[in-house]
Amino acid sequence: VLYDDLLEALKMKEAILKEAIKKLITNGDIDEP
Protein backbone atom coordinates (compact mmCIF):
# COMPACT_ATOMS: atom_id res chain seq x y z
CA VAL A 1 0.00 0.00 0.00
CA LEU A 2 1.44 3.35 -1.07
CA TYR A 3 1.61 6.16 1.47
CA ASP A 4 -0.22 8.57 -0.89
CA ASP A 5 -3.09 6.08 -1.39
CA LEU A 6 -3.37 5.67 2.36
CA LEU A 7 -3.40 9.43 2.93
CA GLU A 8 -6.11 9.90 0.32
CA ALA A 9 -8.29 7.07 1.67
CA LEU A 10 -8.17 8.22 5.29
CA LYS A 11 -8.39 12.01 4.79
CA MET A 12 -6.13 12.32 7.85
CA LYS A 13 -3.56 14.96 8.76
CA GLU A 14 -0.17 13.94 7.48
CA ALA A 15 1.60 14.33 10.84
CA ILE A 16 -1.01 12.17 12.59
CA LEU A 17 -0.81 9.48 9.90
CA LYS A 18 3.00 9.32 10.05
CA GLU A 19 2.89 8.95 13.85
CA ALA A 20 0.31 6.15 13.58
CA ILE A 21 2.36 4.30 10.94
CA LYS A 22 5.46 4.63 13.10
CA LYS A 23 3.70 3.08 16.12
CA LEU A 24 2.22 0.23 14.07
CA ILE A 25 5.70 -0.60 12.75
CA THR A 26 7.17 -0.42 16.28
CA ASN A 27 4.43 -2.71 17.61
CA GLY A 28 5.09 -5.21 14.81
CA ASP A 29 1.64 -4.91 13.22
CA ILE A 30 2.90 -3.71 9.81
CA ASP A 31 6.25 -3.40 8.06
CA GLU A 32 7.78 -1.15 5.38
CA PRO A 33 9.66 -3.37 2.88
All heavy atoms as atom14 arrays in JSON, in Angstrom:
{
  "sequence": "VLYDDLLEALKMKEAILKEAIKKLITNGDIDEP",
  "atom14_mask": [
    [1, 1, 1, 1, 1, 1, 1, 0, 0, 0, 0, 0, 0, 0],
    [1, 1, 1, 1, 1, 1, 1, 1, 0, 0, 0, 0, 0, 0],
    [1, 1, 1, 1, 1, 1, 1, 1, 1, 1, 1, 1, 0, 0],
    [1, 1, 1, 1, 1, 1, 1, 1, 0, 0, 0, 0, 0, 0],
    [1, 1, 1, 1, 1, 1, 1, 1, 0, 0, 0, 0, 0, 0],
    [1, 1, 1, 1, 1, 1, 1, 1, 0, 0, 0, 0, 0, 0],
    [1, 1, 1, 1, 1, 1, 1, 1, 0, 0, 0, 0, 0, 0],
    [1, 1, 1, 1, 1, 1, 1, 1, 1, 0, 0, 0, 0, 0],
    [1, 1, 1, 1, 1, 0, 0, 0, 0, 0, 0, 0, 0, 0],
    [1, 1, 1, 1, 1, 1, 1, 1, 0, 0, 0, 0, 0, 0],
    [1, 1, 1, 1, 1, 1, 1, 1, 1, 0, 0, 0, 0, 0],
    [1, 1, 1, 1, 1, 1, 1, 1, 0, 0, 0, 0, 0, 0],
    [1, 1, 1, 1, 1, 1, 1, 1, 1, 0, 0, 0, 0, 0],
    [1, 1, 1, 1, 1, 1, 1, 1, 1, 0, 0, 0, 0, 0],
    [1, 1, 1, 1, 1, 0, 0, 0, 0, 0, 0, 0, 0, 0],
    [1, 1, 1, 1, 1, 1, 1, 1, 0, 0, 0, 0, 0, 0],
    [1, 1, 1, 1, 1, 1, 1, 1, 0, 0, 0, 0, 0, 0],
    [1, 1, 1, 1, 1, 1, 1, 1, 1, 0, 0, 0, 0, 0],
    [1, 1, 1, 1, 1, 1, 1, 1, 1, 0, 0, 0, 0, 0],
    [1, 1, 1, 1, 1, 0, 0, 0, 0, 0, 0, 0, 0, 0],
    [1, 1, 1, 1, 1, 1, 1, 1, 0, 0, 0, 0, 0, 0],
    [1, 1, 1, 1, 1, 1, 1, 1, 1, 0, 0, 0, 0, 0],
    [1, 1, 1, 1, 1, 1, 1, 1, 1, 0, 0, 0, 0, 0],
    [1, 1, 1, 1, 1, 1, 1, 1, 0, 0, 0, 0, 0, 0],
    [1, 1, 1, 1, 1, 1, 1, 1, 0, 0, 0, 0, 0, 0],
    [1, 1, 1, 1, 1, 1, 1, 0, 0, 0, 0, 0, 0, 0],
    [1, 1, 1, 1, 1, 1, 1, 1, 0, 0, 0, 0, 0, 0],
    [1, 1, 1, 1, 0, 0, 0, 0, 0, 0, 0, 0, 0, 0],
    [1, 1, 1, 1, 1, 1, 1, 1, 0, 0, 0, 0, 0, 0],
    [1, 1, 1, 1, 1, 1, 1, 1, 0, 0, 0, 0, 0, 0],
    [1, 1, 1, 1, 1, 1, 1, 1, 0, 0, 0, 0, 0, 0],
    [1, 1, 1, 1, 1, 1, 1, 1, 1, 0, 0, 0, 0, 0],
    [1, 1, 1, 1, 1, 1, 1, 0, 0, 0, 0, 0, 0, 0]
  ],
  "atom14_positions": [
    [[0.85, -1.19, 0.0], [0.0, 0.0, 0.0], [0.88, 1.24, 0.0], [1.75, 1.4, 0.88], [-0.93, 0.0, 1.23], [-1.8, 1.27, 1.24], [-1.79, -1.25, 1.24], [0.0, 0.0, 0.0], [0.0, 0.0, 0.0], [0.0, 0.0, 0.0], [0.0, 0.0, 0.0], [0.0, 0.0, 0.0], [0.0, 0.0, 0.0], [0.0, 0.0, 0.0]],
    [[0.67, 2.11, -0.98], [1.44, 3.35, -1.07], [0.98, 4.35, -0.02], [-0.21, 4.41, 0.33], [1.29, 3.96, -2.47], [1.87, 3.17, -3.64], [1.48, 3.81, -4.96], [3.38, 3.09, -3.53], [0.0, 0.0, 0.0], [0.0, 0.0, 0.0], [0.0, 0.0, 0.0], [0.0, 0.0, 0.0], [0.0, 0.0, 0.0], [0.0, 0.0, 0.0]],
    [[1.92, 5.15, 0.46], [1.61, 6.16, 1.47], [0.56, 7.15, 0.95], [-0.38, 7.51, 1.67], [2.89, 6.9, 1.88], [2.65, 8.06, 2.82], [2.46, 7.87, 4.18], [2.6, 9.37, 2.31], [2.22, 8.94, 5.03], [2.36, 10.44, 3.16], [2.18, 10.22, 4.53], [1.94, 11.28, 5.37], [0.0, 0.0, 0.0], [0.0, 0.0, 0.0]],
    [[0.71, 7.59, -0.32], [-0.22, 8.57, -0.89], [-1.64, 8.0, -0.98], [-2.62, 8.71, -0.72], [0.26, 9.01, -2.28], [1.54, 9.83, -2.2], [1.79, 10.39, -1.11], [2.27, 9.91, -3.2], [0.0, 0.0, 0.0], [0.0, 0.0, 0.0], [0.0, 0.0, 0.0], [0.0, 0.0, 0.0], [0.0, 0.0, 0.0], [0.0, 0.0, 0.0]],
    [[-1.77, 6.71, -1.33], [-3.09, 6.08, -1.39], [-3.73, 6.02, 0.0], [-4.94, 6.22, 0.16], [-2.98, 4.67, -1.96], [-2.55, 4.66, -3.43], [-2.69, 5.72, -4.08], [-2.08, 3.62, -3.91], [0.0, 0.0, 0.0], [0.0, 0.0, 0.0], [0.0, 0.0, 0.0], [0.0, 0.0, 0.0], [0.0, 0.0, 0.0], [0.0, 0.0, 0.0]],
    [[-2.89, 5.76, 0.98], [-3.37, 5.67, 2.36], [-3.84, 7.03, 2.85], [-4.89, 7.17, 3.49], [-2.24, 5.13, 3.26], [-2.61, 4.58, 4.63], [-3.61, 3.45, 4.52], [-1.36, 4.11, 5.35], [0.0, 0.0, 0.0], [0.0, 0.0, 0.0], [0.0, 0.0, 0.0], [0.0, 0.0, 0.0], [0.0, 0.0, 0.0], [0.0, 0.0, 0.0]],
    [[-3.06, 8.07, 2.52], [-3.4, 9.43, 2.93], [-4.72, 9.88, 2.28], [-5.56, 10.5, 2.95], [-2.26, 10.38, 2.53], [-2.38, 11.83, 2.99], [-2.39, 11.93, 4.51], [-1.21, 12.65, 2.43], [0.0, 0.0, 0.0], [0.0, 0.0, 0.0], [0.0, 0.0, 0.0], [0.0, 0.0, 0.0], [0.0, 0.0, 0.0], [0.0, 0.0, 0.0]],
    [[-4.9, 9.51, 1.03], [-6.11, 9.9, 0.32], [-7.34, 9.16, 0.86], [-8.43, 9.74, 1.0], [-5.95, 9.62, -1.19], [-7.15, 10.08, -2.02], [-6.95, 9.81, -3.51], [-5.82, 9.46, -3.91], [-7.94, 9.94, -4.25], [0.0, 0.0, 0.0], [0.0, 0.0, 0.0], [0.0, 0.0, 0.0], [0.0, 0.0, 0.0], [0.0, 0.0, 0.0]],
    [[-7.17, 7.88, 1.19], [-8.29, 7.07, 1.67], [-8.76, 7.5, 3.06], [-9.96, 7.47, 3.36], [-7.89, 5.6, 1.68], [0.0, 0.0, 0.0], [0.0, 0.0, 0.0], [0.0, 0.0, 0.0], [0.0, 0.0, 0.0], [0.0, 0.0, 0.0], [0.0, 0.0, 0.0], [0.0, 0.0, 0.0], [0.0, 0.0, 0.0], [0.0, 0.0, 0.0]],
    [[-7.82, 7.91, 3.9], [-8.17, 8.22, 5.29], [-8.54, 9.68, 5.53], [-9.17, 10.0, 6.54], [-6.99, 7.84, 6.21], [-6.71, 6.34, 6.34], [-5.39, 6.11, 7.06], [-7.85, 5.65, 7.1], [0.0, 0.0, 0.0], [0.0, 0.0, 0.0], [0.0, 0.0, 0.0], [0.0, 0.0, 0.0], [0.0, 0.0, 0.0], [0.0, 0.0, 0.0]],
    [[-8.13, 10.58, 4.62], [-8.39, 12.01, 4.79], [-7.89, 12.49, 6.17], [-8.56, 13.22, 6.89], [-9.89, 12.31, 4.67], [-10.55, 11.77, 3.42], [-10.0, 12.42, 2.15], [-10.75, 11.92, 0.9], [-10.15, 12.45, -0.34], [0.0, 0.0, 0.0], [0.0, 0.0, 0.0], [0.0, 0.0, 0.0], [0.0, 0.0, 0.0], [0.0, 0.0, 0.0]],
    [[-6.71, 12.06, 6.53], [-6.13, 12.32, 7.85], [-4.97, 13.29, 7.72], [-4.31, 13.33, 6.68], [-5.65, 10.99, 8.46], [-5.25, 11.02, 9.91], [-4.73, 9.36, 10.48], [-6.3, 8.49, 10.52], [0.0, 0.0, 0.0], [0.0, 0.0, 0.0], [0.0, 0.0, 0.0], [0.0, 0.0, 0.0], [0.0, 0.0, 0.0], [0.0, 0.0, 0.0]],
    [[-4.71, 14.06, 8.78], [-3.56, 14.96, 8.76], [-2.28, 14.15, 8.6], [-2.13, 13.08, 9.2], [-3.5, 15.79, 10.05], [-4.6, 16.85, 10.15], [-4.41, 17.69, 11.41], [-5.49, 18.76, 11.51], [-5.33, 19.58, 12.74], [0.0, 0.0, 0.0], [0.0, 0.0, 0.0], [0.0, 0.0, 0.0], [0.0, 0.0, 0.0], [0.0, 0.0, 0.0]],
    [[-1.37, 14.69, 7.82], [-0.17, 13.94, 7.48], [0.68, 13.61, 8.72], [1.19, 12.5, 8.86], [0.66, 14.73, 6.47], [1.71, 13.89, 5.76], [2.29, 14.59, 4.53], [1.76, 15.65, 4.14], [3.26, 14.05, 3.99], [0.0, 0.0, 0.0], [0.0, 0.0, 0.0], [0.0, 0.0, 0.0], [0.0, 0.0, 0.0], [0.0, 0.0, 0.0]],
    [[0.79, 14.56, 9.64], [1.6, 14.33, 10.84], [1.01, 13.21, 11.7], [1.73, 12.36, 12.25], [1.69, 15.62, 11.66], [0.0, 0.0, 0.0], [0.0, 0.0, 0.0], [0.0, 0.0, 0.0], [0.0, 0.0, 0.0], [0.0, 0.0, 0.0], [0.0, 0.0, 0.0], [0.0, 0.0, 0.0], [0.0, 0.0, 0.0], [0.0, 0.0, 0.0]],
    [[-0.33, 13.19, 11.8], [-1.01, 12.17, 12.59], [-0.84, 10.8, 11.94], [-0.59, 9.79, 12.61], [-2.5, 12.53, 12.77], [-2.64, 13.82, 13.58], [-3.26, 11.39, 13.43], [-4.06, 14.31, 13.72], [0.0, 0.0, 0.0], [0.0, 0.0, 0.0], [0.0, 0.0, 0.0], [0.0, 0.0, 0.0], [0.0, 0.0, 0.0], [0.0, 0.0, 0.0]],
    [[-0.96, 10.74, 10.61], [-0.81, 9.48, 9.9], [0.6, 8.92, 10.05], [0.79, 7.73, 10.29], [-1.16, 9.67, 8.42], [-0.99, 8.43, 7.53], [-1.86, 7.28, 8.02], [-1.29, 8.76, 6.07], [0.0, 0.0, 0.0], [0.0, 0.0, 0.0], [0.0, 0.0, 0.0], [0.0, 0.0, 0.0], [0.0, 0.0, 0.0], [0.0, 0.0, 0.0]],
    [[1.6, 9.78, 9.92], [3.0, 9.32, 10.05], [3.26, 8.75, 11.44], [3.95, 7.75, 11.6], [3.95, 10.49, 9.75], [4.04, 10.84, 8.27], [5.04, 11.98, 8.05], [5.18, 12.28, 6.55], [6.12, 13.41, 6.3], [0.0, 0.0, 0.0], [0.0, 0.0, 0.0], [0.0, 0.0, 0.0], [0.0, 0.0, 0.0], [0.0, 0.0, 0.0]],
    [[2.7, 9.42, 12.47], [2.89, 8.95, 13.85], [2.22, 7.59, 14.05], [2.77, 6.7, 14.7], [2.31, 9.97, 14.83], [2.52, 9.64, 16.3], [3.98, 9.61, 16.7], [4.81, 10.3, 16.06], [4.3, 8.89, 17.66], [0.0, 0.0, 0.0], [0.0, 0.0, 0.0], [0.0, 0.0, 0.0], [0.0, 0.0, 0.0], [0.0, 0.0, 0.0]],
    [[1.02, 7.42, 13.47], [0.31, 6.15, 13.58], [1.07, 5.03, 12.88], [1.18, 3.91, 13.41], [-1.1, 6.29, 13.0], [0.0, 0.0, 0.0], [0.0, 0.0, 0.0], [0.0, 0.0, 0.0], [0.0, 0.0, 0.0], [0.0, 0.0, 0.0], [0.0, 0.0, 0.0], [0.0, 0.0, 0.0], [0.0, 0.0, 0.0], [0.0, 0.0, 0.0]],
    [[1.58, 5.31, 11.68], [2.36, 4.3, 10.94], [3.61, 3.91, 11.73], [3.95, 2.72, 11.82], [2.74, 4.85, 9.55], [1.5, 4.95, 8.66], [3.79, 3.97, 8.89], [1.74, 5.65, 7.33], [0.0, 0.0, 0.0], [0.0, 0.0, 0.0], [0.0, 0.0, 0.0], [0.0, 0.0, 0.0], [0.0, 0.0, 0.0], [0.0, 0.0, 0.0]],
    [[4.25, 4.89, 12.32], [5.46, 4.63, 13.1], [5.17, 3.69, 14.28], [5.93, 2.74, 14.55], [6.03, 5.96, 13.61], [7.28, 5.82, 14.45], [7.75, 7.19, 14.94], [8.95, 7.06, 15.87], [9.36, 8.38, 16.41], [0.0, 0.0, 0.0], [0.0, 0.0, 0.0], [0.0, 0.0, 0.0], [0.0, 0.0, 0.0], [0.0, 0.0, 0.0]],
    [[4.04, 3.92, 14.97], [3.7, 3.08, 16.12], [3.29, 1.68, 15.68], [3.62, 0.69, 16.35], [2.57, 3.73, 16.92], [3.03, 4.94, 17.71], [2.04, 5.34, 18.78], [2.63, 6.45, 19.65], [1.73, 6.84, 20.75], [0.0, 0.0, 0.0], [0.0, 0.0, 0.0], [0.0, 0.0, 0.0], [0.0, 0.0, 0.0], [0.0, 0.0, 0.0]],
    [[2.6, 1.55, 14.56], [2.22, 0.23, 14.07], [3.44, -0.58, 13.67], [3.5, -1.81, 13.89], [1.26, 0.37, 12.88], [-0.17, 0.83, 13.21], [-0.94, 1.14, 11.93], [-0.9, -0.23, 14.03], [0.0, 0.0, 0.0], [0.0, 0.0, 0.0], [0.0, 0.0, 0.0], [0.0, 0.0, 0.0], [0.0, 0.0, 0.0], [0.0, 0.0, 0.0]],
    [[4.45, 0.09, 13.11], [5.7, -0.6, 12.75], [6.43, -1.02, 14.02], [6.94, -2.15, 14.13], [6.59, 0.31, 11.87], [5.94, 0.53, 10.5], [7.99, -0.3, 11.71], [6.68, 1.53, 9.62], [0.0, 0.0, 0.0], [0.0, 0.0, 0.0], [0.0, 0.0, 0.0], [0.0, 0.0, 0.0], [0.0, 0.0, 0.0], [0.0, 0.0, 0.0]],
    [[6.49, -0.12, 15.01], [7.17, -0.42, 16.28], [6.5, -1.59, 16.99], [7.18, -2.45, 17.57], [7.15, 0.83, 17.19], [7.77, 1.92, 16.51], [7.89, 0.55, 18.49], [0.0, 0.0, 0.0], [0.0, 0.0, 0.0], [0.0, 0.0, 0.0], [0.0, 0.0, 0.0], [0.0, 0.0, 0.0], [0.0, 0.0, 0.0], [0.0, 0.0, 0.0]],
    [[5.17, -1.63, 16.95], [4.43, -2.71, 17.61], [4.47, -4.03, 16.84], [4.03, -5.06, 17.34], [2.96, -2.31, 17.81], [2.82, -1.13, 18.76], [3.7, -0.88, 19.57], [1.7, -0.42, 18.66], [0.0, 0.0, 0.0], [0.0, 0.0, 0.0], [0.0, 0.0, 0.0], [0.0, 0.0, 0.0], [0.0, 0.0, 0.0], [0.0, 0.0, 0.0]],
    [[5.0, -3.99, 15.6], [5.09, -5.21, 14.81], [3.82, -5.59, 14.09], [3.65, -6.74, 13.68], [0.0, 0.0, 0.0], [0.0, 0.0, 0.0], [0.0, 0.0, 0.0], [0.0, 0.0, 0.0], [0.0, 0.0, 0.0], [0.0, 0.0, 0.0], [0.0, 0.0, 0.0], [0.0, 0.0, 0.0], [0.0, 0.0, 0.0], [0.0, 0.0, 0.0]],
    [[2.89, -4.62, 13.92], [1.64, -4.91, 13.22], [1.79, -4.8, 11.69], [1.13, -5.51, 10.94], [0.54, -3.96, 13.69], [0.23, -4.14, 15.17], [0.07, -5.3, 15.59], [0.17, -3.14, 15.91], [0.0, 0.0, 0.0], [0.0, 0.0, 0.0], [0.0, 0.0, 0.0], [0.0, 0.0, 0.0], [0.0, 0.0, 0.0], [0.0, 0.0, 0.0]],
    [[2.64, -3.88, 11.25], [2.9, -3.71, 9.81], [4.4, -3.58, 9.61], [5.16, -3.4, 10.57], [2.19, -2.45, 9.25], [2.78, -1.18, 9.87], [0.68, -2.52, 9.47], [2.24, 0.12, 9.25], [0.0, 0.0, 0.0], [0.0, 0.0, 0.0], [0.0, 0.0, 0.0], [0.0, 0.0, 0.0], [0.0, 0.0, 0.0], [0.0, 0.0, 0.0]],
    [[4.85, -3.68, 8.36], [6.25, -3.4, 8.06], [6.33, -2.54, 6.8], [5.33, -2.32, 6.1], [7.07, -4.68, 7.93], [6.71, -5.49, 6.69], [5.65, -5.21, 6.1], [7.47, -6.4, 6.32], [0.0, 0.0, 0.0], [0.0, 0.0, 0.0], [0.0, 0.0, 0.0], [0.0, 0.0, 0.0], [0.0, 0.0, 0.0], [0.0, 0.0, 0.0]],
    [[7.53, -2.05, 6.52], [7.78, -1.15, 5.38], [8.92, -1.74, 4.55], [10.08, -1.34, 4.69], [8.14, 0.25, 5.9], [8.23, 1.31, 4.8], [8.55, 2.69, 5.37], [8.94, 2.77, 6.57], [8.44, 3.68, 4.62], [0.0, 0.0, 0.0], [0.0, 0.0, 0.0], [0.0, 0.0, 0.0], [0.0, 0.0, 0.0], [0.0, 0.0, 0.0]],
    [[8.6, -2.73, 3.68], [9.66, -3.37, 2.88], [10.35, -2.41, 1.92], [11.52, -2.57, 1.6], [8.93, -4.49, 2.13], [7.5, -4.07, 2.12], [7.27, -3.29, 3.37], [0.0, 0.0, 0.0], [0.0, 0.0, 0.0], [0.0, 0.0, 0.0], [0.0, 0.0, 0.0], [0.0, 0.0, 0.0], [0.0, 0.0, 0.0], [0.0, 0.0, 0.0]]
  ]
}
